[in-house]
């Protein structure tokens, strides 16, 4: 039983989560579809309709009040009329009593009594109507005050609607501007220009290096040619001198050989002296 209850609770939890996800997605979709201007316009429209219904109710209440006031005035007039008739009948009865006409006296006394009864009924009706009129007047005053408050609230709602619509439009414009700025930051043309500039600089450096290499190779070739020409000229002059002055050359060669021997002799003596010094230090 416990295992079964656990499975049931788990299924309920899964369904609750699924319902929550669906509700969240539905709310997100509704939020995306909501247009602040349209929603606020609808709010103003609904409130305006409520005011119109309230105006009709107040108008009906005022109409009922006016009818009650008319009935009150009519009842008061009837009471006054019946009072006047009762007074007239009573006076007439007194006249007949003075003349000794008992029958007419009794008749007019009865009429005066009936008039007084009608007056009392009219006064009672007028009293009830007066209470009703007083209550209705209070209700109408409250309804008028409430209606004026609603109309004031509607003006405030319209002003607030206009303010919120302007703010929403401004926020939308700012969001579009920020999106544009982000797009510009992502697709910044200066980075592309910098990349091409770096590539062009590399190509230019490559061209300069190749030119420098070509120039150095050409200079070396010209230098070799100059060295070769100089060596050729030296050989030619030496050959010409040897051919023209062969004895002088032989004498020069002998003198050069003697000079070499003389230069080598001090060199050998110095070497021998160094060796002797080294042997002496070793001993």
C-alpha atoms as a PDB file:
ATOM      1  CA  UNK A   1       0.000   0.000   0.000  1.00  0.00           C
ATOM      2  CA  UNK A   2       2.828   2.390   0.807  1.00  0.00           C
ATOM      3  CA  UNK A   3       4.507   1.620  -2.550  1.00  0.00           C
ATOM      4  CA  UNK A   4       1.263   2.246  -4.391  1.00  0.00           C
ATOM      5  CA  UNK A   5       0.766   5.547  -2.594  1.00  0.00           C
ATOM      6  CA  UNK A   6       4.339   6.567  -3.445  1.00  0.00           C
ATOM      7  CA  UNK A   7       3.755   5.855  -7.144  1.00  0.00           C
ATOM      8  CA  UNK A   8       0.517   7.857  -7.087  1.00  0.00           C
ATOM      9  CA  UNK A   9       2.269  10.805  -5.412  1.00  0.00           C
ATOM     10  CA  UNK A  10       5.097  10.589  -7.957  1.00  0.00           C
ATOM     11  CA  UNK A  11       2.639  10.647 -10.869  1.00  0.00           C
ATOM     12  CA  UNK A  12       0.835  13.624  -9.342  1.00  0.00           C
ATOM     13  CA  UNK A  13       4.166  15.423  -8.945  1.00  0.00           C
ATOM     14  CA  UNK A  14       5.064  14.761 -12.585  1.00  0.00           C
ATOM     15  CA  UNK A  15       1.686  16.011 -13.783  1.00  0.00           C
ATOM     16  CA  UNK A  16       2.005  19.072 -11.567  1.00  0.00           C
ATOM     17  CA  UNK A  17       5.407  19.833 -13.059  1.00  0.00           C
ATOM     18  CA  UNK A  18       4.074  19.351 -16.598  1.00  0.00           C
ATOM     19  CA  UNK A  19       1.141  21.646 -15.799  1.00  0.00           C
ATOM     20  CA  UNK A  20       3.542  24.215 -14.338  1.00  0.00           C
ATOM     21  CA  UNK A  21       5.710  24.118 -17.470  1.00  0.00           C
ATOM     22  CA  UNK A  22       2.679  24.529 -19.713  1.00  0.00           C
ATOM     23  CA  UNK A  23       1.393  27.397 -17.593  1.00  0.00           C
ATOM     24  CA  UNK A  24       4.783  29.122 -17.646  1.00  0.00           C
ATOM     25  CA  UNK A  25       5.034  28.745 -21.431  1.00  0.00           C
ATOM     26  CA  UNK A  26       1.483  30.045 -21.870  1.00  0.00           C
ATOM     27  CA  UNK A  27       2.204  33.059 -19.675  1.00  0.00           C
ATOM     28  CA  UNK A  28       5.425  33.747 -21.602  1.00  0.00           C
ATOM     29  CA  UNK A  29       3.521  33.557 -24.899  1.00  0.00           C
ATOM     30  CA  UNK A  30       0.820  35.884 -23.567  1.00  0.00           C
ATOM     31  CA  UNK A  31       3.455  38.329 -22.312  1.00  0.00           C
ATOM     32  CA  UNK A  32       5.071  38.312 -25.744  1.00  0.00           C
ATOM     33  CA  UNK A  33       1.713  39.009 -27.407  1.00  0.00           C
ATOM     34  CA  UNK A  34       0.749  41.793 -25.025  1.00  0.00           C
ATOM     35  CA  UNK A  35       0.896  45.260 -26.537  1.00  0.00           C
ATOM     36  CA  UNK A  36       0.997  47.889 -23.779  1.00  0.00           C
ATOM     37  CA  UNK A  37      -0.870  50.454 -25.868  1.00  0.00           C
ATOM     38  CA  UNK A  38      -3.644  48.039 -26.842  1.00  0.00           C
ATOM     39  CA  UNK A  39      -3.984  46.718 -23.305  1.00  0.00           C
ATOM     40  CA  UNK A  40      -4.140  50.218 -21.807  1.00  0.00           C
ATOM     41  CA  UNK A  41      -6.587  51.352 -24.488  1.00  0.00           C
ATOM     42  CA  UNK A  42      -8.799  48.393 -23.591  1.00  0.00           C
ATOM     43  CA  UNK A  43      -8.558  49.310 -19.894  1.00  0.00           C
ATOM     44  CA  UNK A  44      -9.631  52.877 -20.650  1.00  0.00           C
ATOM     45  CA  UNK A  45     -12.415  51.570 -22.873  1.00  0.00           C
ATOM     46  CA  UNK A  46     -13.700  49.213 -20.165  1.00  0.00           C
ATOM     47  CA  UNK A  47     -13.603  51.960 -17.551  1.00  0.00           C
ATOM     48  CA  UNK A  48     -15.421  54.321 -19.895  1.00  0.00           C
ATOM     49  CA  UNK A  49     -18.123  51.679 -20.381  1.00  0.00           C
ATOM     50  CA  UNK A  50     -18.392  51.325 -16.596  1.00  0.00           C
ATOM     51  CA  UNK A  51     -18.857  55.082 -16.307  1.00  0.00           C
ATOM     52  CA  UNK A  52     -21.548  54.980 -18.980  1.00  0.00           C
ATOM     53  CA  UNK A  53     -23.384  52.243 -17.072  1.00  0.00           C
ATOM     54  CA  UNK A  54     -23.005  54.223 -13.861  1.00  0.00           C
ATOM     55  CA  UNK A  55     -24.390  57.327 -15.574  1.00  0.00           C
ATOM     56  CA  UNK A  56     -27.429  55.345 -16.701  1.00  0.00           C
ATOM     57  CA  UNK A  57     -27.966  54.048 -13.175  1.00  0.00           C
ATOM     58  CA  UNK A  58     -27.600  57.522 -11.688  1.00  0.00           C
ATOM     59  CA  UNK A  59     -29.952  58.939 -14.313  1.00  0.00           C
ATOM     60  CA  UNK A  60     -32.547  56.255 -13.467  1.00  0.00           C
ATOM     61  CA  UNK A  61     -32.166  56.983  -9.767  1.00  0.00           C
ATOM     62  CA  UNK A  62     -32.553  60.702 -10.382  1.00  0.00           C
ATOM     63  CA  UNK A  63     -35.650  59.986 -12.474  1.00  0.00           C
ATOM     64  CA  UNK A  64     -37.141  57.932  -9.631  1.00  0.00           C
ATOM     65  CA  UNK A  65     -36.330  60.750  -7.236  1.00  0.00           C
ATOM     66  CA  UNK A  66     -38.097  63.273  -9.413  1.00  0.00           C
ATOM     67  CA  UNK A  67     -41.173  61.006  -9.602  1.00  0.00           C
ATOM     68  CA  UNK A  68     -41.184  60.667  -5.822  1.00  0.00           C
ATOM     69  CA  UNK A  69     -40.866  64.413  -5.443  1.00  0.00           C
ATOM     70  CA  UNK A  70     -43.828  64.869  -7.771  1.00  0.00           C
ATOM     71  CA  UNK A  71     -45.872  62.341  -5.781  1.00  0.00           C
ATOM     72  CA  UNK A  72     -44.883  64.139  -2.574  1.00  0.00           C
ATOM     73  CA  UNK A  73     -45.927  67.474  -3.968  1.00  0.00           C
ATOM     74  CA  UNK A  74     -49.211  65.953  -5.178  1.00  0.00           C
ATOM     75  CA  UNK A  75     -49.905  64.406  -1.776  1.00  0.00           C
ATOM     76  CA  UNK A  76     -49.143  67.665  -0.042  1.00  0.00           C
ATOM     77  CA  UNK A  77     -51.465  69.519  -2.413  1.00  0.00           C
ATOM     78  CA  UNK A  78     -54.206  66.962  -1.801  1.00  0.00           C
ATOM     79  CA  UNK A  79     -53.768  67.340   1.927  1.00  0.00           C
ATOM     80  CA  UNK A  80     -54.042  71.085   1.609  1.00  0.00           C
ATOM     81  CA  UNK A  81     -57.090  70.815  -0.644  1.00  0.00           C
ATOM     82  CA  UNK A  82     -58.857  68.399   1.680  1.00  0.00           C
ATOM     83  CA  UNK A  83     -58.049  70.708   4.547  1.00  0.00           C
ATOM     84  CA  UNK A  84     -59.569  73.601   2.662  1.00  0.00           C
ATOM     85  CA  UNK A  85     -62.665  71.513   1.854  1.00  0.00           C
ATOM     86  CA  UNK A  86     -63.020  70.427   5.476  1.00  0.00           C
ATOM     87  CA  UNK A  87     -62.807  74.017   6.627  1.00  0.00           C
ATOM     88  CA  UNK A  88     -65.369  75.131   4.047  1.00  0.00           C
ATOM     89  CA  UNK A  89     -67.779  72.320   5.010  1.00  0.00           C
ATOM     90  CA  UNK A  90     -67.393  73.105   8.700  1.00  0.00           C
ATOM     91  CA  UNK A  91     -68.113  76.782   8.073  1.00  0.00           C
ATOM     92  CA  UNK A  92     -71.171  75.883   6.032  1.00  0.00           C
ATOM     93  CA  UNK A  93     -72.400  73.602   8.789  1.00  0.00           C
ATOM     94  CA  UNK A  94     -72.076  76.431  11.274  1.00  0.00           C
ATOM     95  CA  UNK A  95     -74.104  78.692   8.977  1.00  0.00           C
ATOM     96  CA  UNK A  96     -76.888  76.121   8.754  1.00  0.00           C
ATOM     97  CA  UNK A  97     -76.716  75.652  12.507  1.00  0.00           C
ATOM     98  CA  UNK A  98     -77.182  79.403  13.003  1.00  0.00           C
ATOM     99  CA  UNK A  99     -80.198  79.364  10.678  1.00  0.00           C
ATOM    100  CA  UNK A 100     -81.684  76.353  12.483  1.00  0.00           C
ATOM    101  CA  UNK A 101     -81.259  73.962   9.543  1.00  0.00           C
ATOM    102  CA  UNK A 102     -80.233  70.850  11.391  1.00  0.00           C
ATOM    103  CA  UNK A 103     -80.341  68.559   8.372  1.00  0.00           C
ATOM    104  CA  UNK A 104     -77.884  70.600   6.309  1.00  0.00           C
ATOM    105  CA  UNK A 105     -75.816  71.200   9.397  1.00  0.00           C
ATOM    106  CA  UNK A 106     -75.437  67.451   9.864  1.00  0.00           C
ATOM    107  CA  UNK A 107     -74.761  66.960   6.171  1.00  0.00           C
ATOM    108  CA  UNK A 108     -71.928  69.488   6.024  1.00  0.00           C
ATOM    109  CA  UNK A 109     -70.497  68.268   9.310  1.00  0.00           C
ATOM    110  CA  UNK A 110     -70.269  64.823   7.741  1.00  0.00           C
ATOM    111  CA  UNK A 111     -68.606  66.323   4.655  1.00  0.00           C
ATOM    112  CA  UNK A 112     -66.115  68.139   6.858  1.00  0.00           C
ATOM    113  CA  UNK A 113     -65.385  64.875   8.650  1.00  0.00           C
ATOM    114  CA  UNK A 114     -64.779  63.058   5.360  1.00  0.00           C
ATOM    115  CA  UNK A 115     -62.551  65.902   4.153  1.00  0.00           C
ATOM    116  CA  UNK A 116     -60.553  65.741   7.362  1.00  0.00           C
ATOM    117  CA  UNK A 117     -60.134  61.973   6.926  1.00  0.00           C
ATOM    118  CA  UNK A 118     -58.974  62.455   3.317  1.00  0.00           C
ATOM    119  CA  UNK A 119     -56.597  65.184   4.481  1.00  0.00           C
ATOM    120  CA  UNK A 120     -55.116  62.884   7.117  1.00  0.00           C
ATOM    121  CA  UNK A 121     -54.621  60.121   4.514  1.00  0.00           C
ATOM    122  CA  UNK A 122     -52.958  62.553   2.123  1.00  0.00           C
ATOM    123  CA  UNK A 123     -50.717  63.835   4.896  1.00  0.00           C
ATOM    124  CA  UNK A 124     -49.747  60.257   5.827  1.00  0.00           C
ATOM    125  CA  UNK A 125     -48.960  59.505   2.206  1.00  0.00           C
ATOM    126  CA  UNK A 126     -46.965  62.733   1.939  1.00  0.00           C
ATOM    127  CA  UNK A 127     -45.018  61.820   5.074  1.00  0.00           C
ATOM    128  CA  UNK A 128     -44.040  58.430   3.628  1.00  0.00           C
ATOM    129  CA  UNK A 129     -43.105  60.008   0.340  1.00  0.00           C
ATOM    130  CA  UNK A 130     -41.061  62.652   2.123  1.00  0.00           C
ATOM    131  CA  UNK A 131     -39.014  59.916   3.851  1.00  0.00           C
ATOM    132  CA  UNK A 132     -38.523  58.133   0.535  1.00  0.00           C
ATOM    133  CA  UNK A 133     -37.535  61.352  -1.202  1.00  0.00           C
ATOM    134  CA  UNK A 134     -35.016  62.159   1.529  1.00  0.00           C
ATOM    135  CA  UNK A 135     -33.421  58.735   1.227  1.00  0.00           C
ATOM    136  CA  UNK A 136     -33.338  58.915  -2.547  1.00  0.00           C
ATOM    137  CA  UNK A 137     -31.800  62.388  -2.436  1.00  0.00           C
ATOM    138  CA  UNK A 138     -28.967  61.051  -0.258  1.00  0.00           C
ATOM    139  CA  UNK A 139     -28.466  58.137  -2.656  1.00  0.00           C
ATOM    140  CA  UNK A 140     -28.442  60.443  -5.665  1.00  0.00           C
ATOM    141  CA  UNK A 141     -25.906  62.749  -4.014  1.00  0.00           C
ATOM    142  CA  UNK A 142     -23.632  59.795  -3.286  1.00  0.00           C
ATOM    143  CA  UNK A 143     -24.056  58.443  -6.803  1.00  0.00           C
ATOM    144  CA  UNK A 144     -23.242  61.840  -8.290  1.00  0.00           C
ATOM    145  CA  UNK A 145     -20.141  62.083  -6.104  1.00  0.00           C
ATOM    146  CA  UNK A 146     -19.089  58.574  -7.102  1.00  0.00           C
ATOM    147  CA  UNK A 147     -19.741  59.324 -10.758  1.00  0.00           C
ATOM    148  CA  UNK A 148     -17.651  62.479 -10.557  1.00  0.00           C
ATOM    149  CA  UNK A 149     -14.890  60.461  -8.884  1.00  0.00           C
ATOM    150  CA  UNK A 150     -15.044  57.883 -11.660  1.00  0.00           C
ATOM    151  CA  UNK A 151     -14.833  60.586 -14.310  1.00  0.00           C
ATOM    152  CA  UNK A 152     -11.845  62.107 -12.528  1.00  0.00           C
ATOM    153  CA  UNK A 153     -10.261  58.660 -12.310  1.00  0.00           C
ATOM    154  CA  UNK A 154     -10.880  58.185 -16.003  1.00  0.00           C
ATOM    155  CA  UNK A 155      -9.033  61.402 -16.789  1.00  0.00           C
ATOM    156  CA  UNK A 156      -6.167  60.235 -14.589  1.00  0.00           C
ATOM    157  CA  UNK A 157      -6.263  56.832 -16.296  1.00  0.00           C
ATOM    158  CA  UNK A 158      -6.126  58.443 -19.738  1.00  0.00           C
ATOM    159  CA  UNK A 159      -3.186  60.622 -18.674  1.00  0.00           C
ATOM    160  CA  UNK A 160      -1.428  57.612 -17.162  1.00  0.00           C
ATOM    161  CA  UNK A 161      -2.175  55.604 -20.302  1.00  0.00           C
ATOM    162  CA  UNK A 162      -0.583  58.276 -22.472  1.00  0.00           C
ATOM    163  CA  UNK A 163       2.443  58.436 -20.167  1.00  0.00           C
ATOM    164  CA  UNK A 164       2.916  54.663 -20.113  1.00  0.00           C
ATOM    165  CA  UNK A 165       2.470  54.385 -23.863  1.00  0.00           C
ATOM    166  CA  UNK A 166       5.114  57.078 -24.377  1.00  0.00           C
ATOM    167  CA  UNK A 167       7.445  55.307 -21.946  1.00  0.00           C
ATOM    168  CA  UNK A 168       6.841  51.961 -23.635  1.00  0.00           C
ATOM    169  CA  UNK A 169       7.534  53.507 -27.045  1.00  0.00           C
ATOM    170  CA  UNK A 170      10.695  55.123 -25.680  1.00  0.00           C
ATOM    171  CA  UNK A 171      11.827  51.835 -24.107  1.00  0.00           C
ATOM    172  CA  UNK A 172      11.199  50.003 -27.376  1.00  0.00           C
ATOM    173  CA  UNK A 173      13.230  52.595 -29.262  1.00  0.00           C
ATOM    174  CA  UNK A 174      16.056  52.305 -26.737  1.00  0.00           C
ATOM    175  CA  UNK A 175      15.991  48.506 -26.987  1.00  0.00           C
ATOM    176  CA  UNK A 176      16.206  48.727 -30.760  1.00  0.00           C
ATOM    177  CA  UNK A 177      19.070  51.176 -30.422  1.00  0.00           C
ATOM    178  CA  UNK A 178      20.890  48.867 -28.000  1.00  0.00           C
ATOM    179  CA  UNK A 179      20.367  45.925 -30.356  1.00  0.00           C
ATOM    180  CA  UNK A 180      21.786  48.022 -33.187  1.00  0.00           C
ATOM    181  CA  UNK A 181      24.776  49.012 -31.059  1.00  0.00           C
ATOM    182  CA  UNK A 182      25.362  45.379 -30.108  1.00  0.00           C
ATOM    183  CA  UNK A 183      25.200  44.395 -33.763  1.00  0.00           C
ATOM    184  CA  UNK A 184      27.692  47.133 -34.582  1.00  0.00           C
ATOM    185  CA  UNK A 185      29.983  45.922 -31.816  1.00  0.00           C
ATOM    186  CA  UNK A 186      29.822  42.376 -33.148  1.00  0.00           C
ATOM    187  CA  UNK A 187      30.229  43.415 -36.788  1.00  0.00           C
ATOM    188  CA  UNK A 188      32.628  46.268 -36.170  1.00  0.00           C
ATOM    189  CA  UNK A 189      34.073  47.288 -39.580  1.00  0.00           C
ATOM    190  CA  UNK A 190      37.178  48.742 -37.943  1.00  0.00           C
ATOM    191  CA  UNK A 191      38.323  45.266 -36.933  1.00  0.00           C
ATOM    192  CA  UNK A 192      37.954  44.092 -40.521  1.00  0.00           C
ATOM    193  CA  UNK A 193      39.866  47.147 -41.738  1.00  0.00           C
ATOM    194  CA  UNK A 194      42.602  46.478 -39.189  1.00  0.00           C
ATOM    195  CA  UNK A 195      42.862  42.892 -40.384  1.00  0.00           C
ATOM    196  CA  UNK A 196      43.216  43.955 -44.010  1.00  0.00           C
ATOM    197  CA  UNK A 197      45.677  46.657 -43.021  1.00  0.00           C
ATOM    198  CA  UNK A 198      47.817  44.093 -41.213  1.00  0.00           C
ATOM    199  CA  UNK A 199      47.697  41.796 -44.235  1.00  0.00           C
ATOM    200  CA  UNK A 200      48.683  44.658 -46.541  1.00  0.00           C
ATOM    201  CA  UNK A 201      51.565  45.593 -44.238  1.00  0.00           C
ATOM    202  CA  UNK A 202      52.760  41.993 -44.308  1.00  0.00           C
ATOM    203  CA  UNK A 203      52.586  41.979 -48.100  1.00  0.00           C
ATOM    204  CA  UNK A 204      54.476  45.286 -48.243  1.00  0.00           C
ATOM    205  CA  UNK A 205      57.123  43.970 -45.847  1.00  0.00           C
ATOM    206  CA  UNK A 206      57.434  40.856 -47.974  1.00  0.00           C
ATOM    207  CA  UNK A 207      57.944  42.975 -51.078  1.00  0.00           C
ATOM    208  CA  UNK A 208      60.557  45.106 -49.304  1.00  0.00           C
ATOM    209  CA  UNK A 209      62.374  41.998 -48.103  1.00  0.00           C
ATOM    210  CA  UNK A 210      62.389  40.519 -51.585  1.00  0.00           C
ATOM    211  CA  UNK A 211      63.623  43.797 -53.029  1.00  0.00           C
ATOM    212  CA  UNK A 212      66.366  44.030 -50.421  1.00  0.00           C
ATOM    213  CA  UNK A 213      67.378  40.444 -51.063  1.00  0.00           C
ATOM    214  CA  UNK A 214      67.458  41.026 -54.806  1.00  0.00           C
ATOM    215  CA  UNK A 215      69.491  44.212 -54.338  1.00  0.00           C
ATOM    216  CA  UNK A 216      72.040  42.496 -52.075  1.00  0.00           C
ATOM    217  CA  UNK A 217      72.424  39.612 -54.512  1.00  0.00           C
ATOM    218  CA  UNK A 218      72.951  42.036 -57.394  1.00  0.00           C
ATOM    219  CA  UNK A 219      75.498  44.014 -55.392  1.00  0.00           C
ATOM    220  CA  UNK A 220      77.428  40.831 -54.589  1.00  0.00           C
ATOM    221  CA  UNK A 221      77.435  39.869 -58.246  1.00  0.00           C
ATOM    222  CA  UNK A 222      78.784  43.268 -59.212  1.00  0.00           C
ATOM    223  CA  UNK A 223      81.367  43.026 -56.417  1.00  0.00           C
ATOM    224  CA  UNK A 224      82.537  39.634 -57.703  1.00  0.00           C
ATOM    225  CA  UNK A 225      82.797  41.038 -61.163  1.00  0.00           C
ATOM    226  CA  UNK A 226      84.845  43.945 -59.853  1.00  0.00           C
ATOM    227  CA  UNK A 227      87.112  41.611 -57.858  1.00  0.00           C
ATOM    228  CA  UNK A 228      87.539  39.376 -60.900  1.00  0.00           C
ATOM    229  CA  UNK A 229      88.368  42.358 -63.064  1.00  0.00           C
ATOM    230  CA  UNK A 230      90.852  43.652 -60.517  1.00  0.00           C
ATOM    231  CA  UNK A 231      92.540  40.230 -60.234  1.00  0.00           C
ATOM    232  CA  UNK A 232      92.727  39.909 -64.001  1.00  0.00           C
ATOM    233  CA  UNK A 233      94.269  43.336 -64.296  1.00  0.00           C
ATOM    234  CA  UNK A 234      96.821  42.541 -61.571  1.00  0.00           C
ATOM    235  CA  UNK A 235      97.773  39.266 -63.281  1.00  0.00           C
ATOM    236  CA  UNK A 236      98.107  41.013 -66.614  1.00  0.00           C
ATOM    237  CA  UNK A 237     100.377  43.698 -65.187  1.00  0.00           C
ATOM    238  CA  UNK A 238     102.519  41.146 -63.390  1.00  0.00           C
ATOM    239  CA  UNK A 239     102.878  39.111 -66.562  1.00  0.00           C
ATOM    240  CA  UNK A 240     103.853  42.235 -68.472  1.00  0.00           C
ATOM    241  CA  UNK A 241     106.459  43.182 -65.888  1.00  0.00           C
ATOM    242  CA  UNK A 242     107.911  39.678 -65.876  1.00  0.00           C
ATOM    243  CA  UNK A 243     108.101  39.632 -69.621  1.00  0.00           C
ATOM    244  CA  UNK A 244     109.764  43.046 -69.797  1.00  0.00           C
ATOM    245  CA  UNK A 245     112.144  42.711 -66.890  1.00  0.00           C
ATOM    246  CA  UNK A 246     112.918  39.036 -66.403  1.00  0.00           C
ATOM    247  CA  UNK A 247     116.396  39.632 -64.757  1.00  0.00           C
ATOM    248  CA  UNK A 248     114.993  42.197 -62.383  1.00  0.00           C
ATOM    249  CA  UNK A 249     112.325  39.751 -61.423  1.00  0.00           C
ATOM    250  CA  UNK A 250     114.854  37.049 -60.656  1.00  0.00           C
ATOM    251  CA  UNK A 251     116.826  39.475 -58.503  1.00  0.00           C
ATOM    252  CA  UNK A 252     113.619  40.510 -56.790  1.00  0.00           C
ATOM    253  CA  UNK A 253     112.757  36.916 -56.141  1.00  0.00           C
ATOM    254  CA  UNK A 254     116.180  36.254 -54.638  1.00  0.00           C
ATOM    255  CA  UNK A 255     115.930  39.313 -52.433  1.00  0.00           C
ATOM    256  CA  UNK A 256     112.469  38.250 -51.339  1.00  0.00           C
ATOM    257  CA  UNK A 257     113.768  34.804 -50.427  1.00  0.00           C
ATOM    258  CA  UNK A 258     116.588  36.284 -48.357  1.00  0.00           C
ATOM    259  CA  UNK A 259     114.142  38.576 -46.603  1.00  0.00           C
ATOM    260  CA  UNK A 260     111.946  35.653 -45.809  1.00  0.00           C
ATOM    261  CA  UNK A 261     114.893  33.754 -44.339  1.00  0.00           C
ATOM    262  CA  UNK A 262     115.875  36.758 -42.264  1.00  0.00           C
ATOM    263  CA  UNK A 263     112.293  37.180 -41.004  1.00  0.00           C
ATOM    264  CA  UNK A 264     112.009  33.499 -40.205  1.00  0.00           C
ATOM    265  CA  UNK A 265     115.275  33.382 -38.298  1.00  0.00           C
ATOM    266  CA  UNK A 266     114.257  35.787 -35.534  1.00  0.00           C
ATOM    267  CA  UNK A 267     110.955  34.007 -35.405  1.00  0.00           C
ATOM    268  CA  UNK A 268     112.677  30.632 -34.889  1.00  0.00           C
ATOM    269  CA  UNK A 269     115.031  32.132 -32.253  1.00  0.00           C
ATOM    270  CA  UNK A 270     112.071  33.475 -30.338  1.00  0.00           C
ATOM    271  CA  UNK A 271     110.356  30.095 -30.475  1.00  0.00           C
ATOM    272  CA  UNK A 272     113.467  28.371 -29.195  1.00  0.00           C
ATOM    273  CA  UNK A 273     113.734  30.914 -26.396  1.00  0.00           C
ATOM    274  CA  UNK A 274     110.142  30.294 -25.355  1.00  0.00           C
ATOM    275  CA  UNK A 275     110.675  26.526 -25.352  1.00  0.00           C
ATOM    276  CA  UNK A 276     113.786  26.874 -23.235  1.00  0.00           C
ATOM    277  CA  UNK A 277     111.923  29.058 -20.734  1.00  0.00           C
ATOM    278  CA  UNK A 278     109.100  26.549 -20.506  1.00  0.00           C
ATOM    279  CA  UNK A 279     111.537  23.660 -19.892  1.00  0.00           C
ATOM    280  CA  UNK A 280     113.278  25.680 -17.196  1.00  0.00           C
ATOM    281  CA  UNK A 281     110.017  26.410 -15.393  1.00  0.00           C
ATOM    282  CA  UNK A 282     109.048  22.756 -15.629  1.00  0.00           C
ATOM    283  CA  UNK A 283     112.321  21.713 -14.041  1.00  0.00           C
END
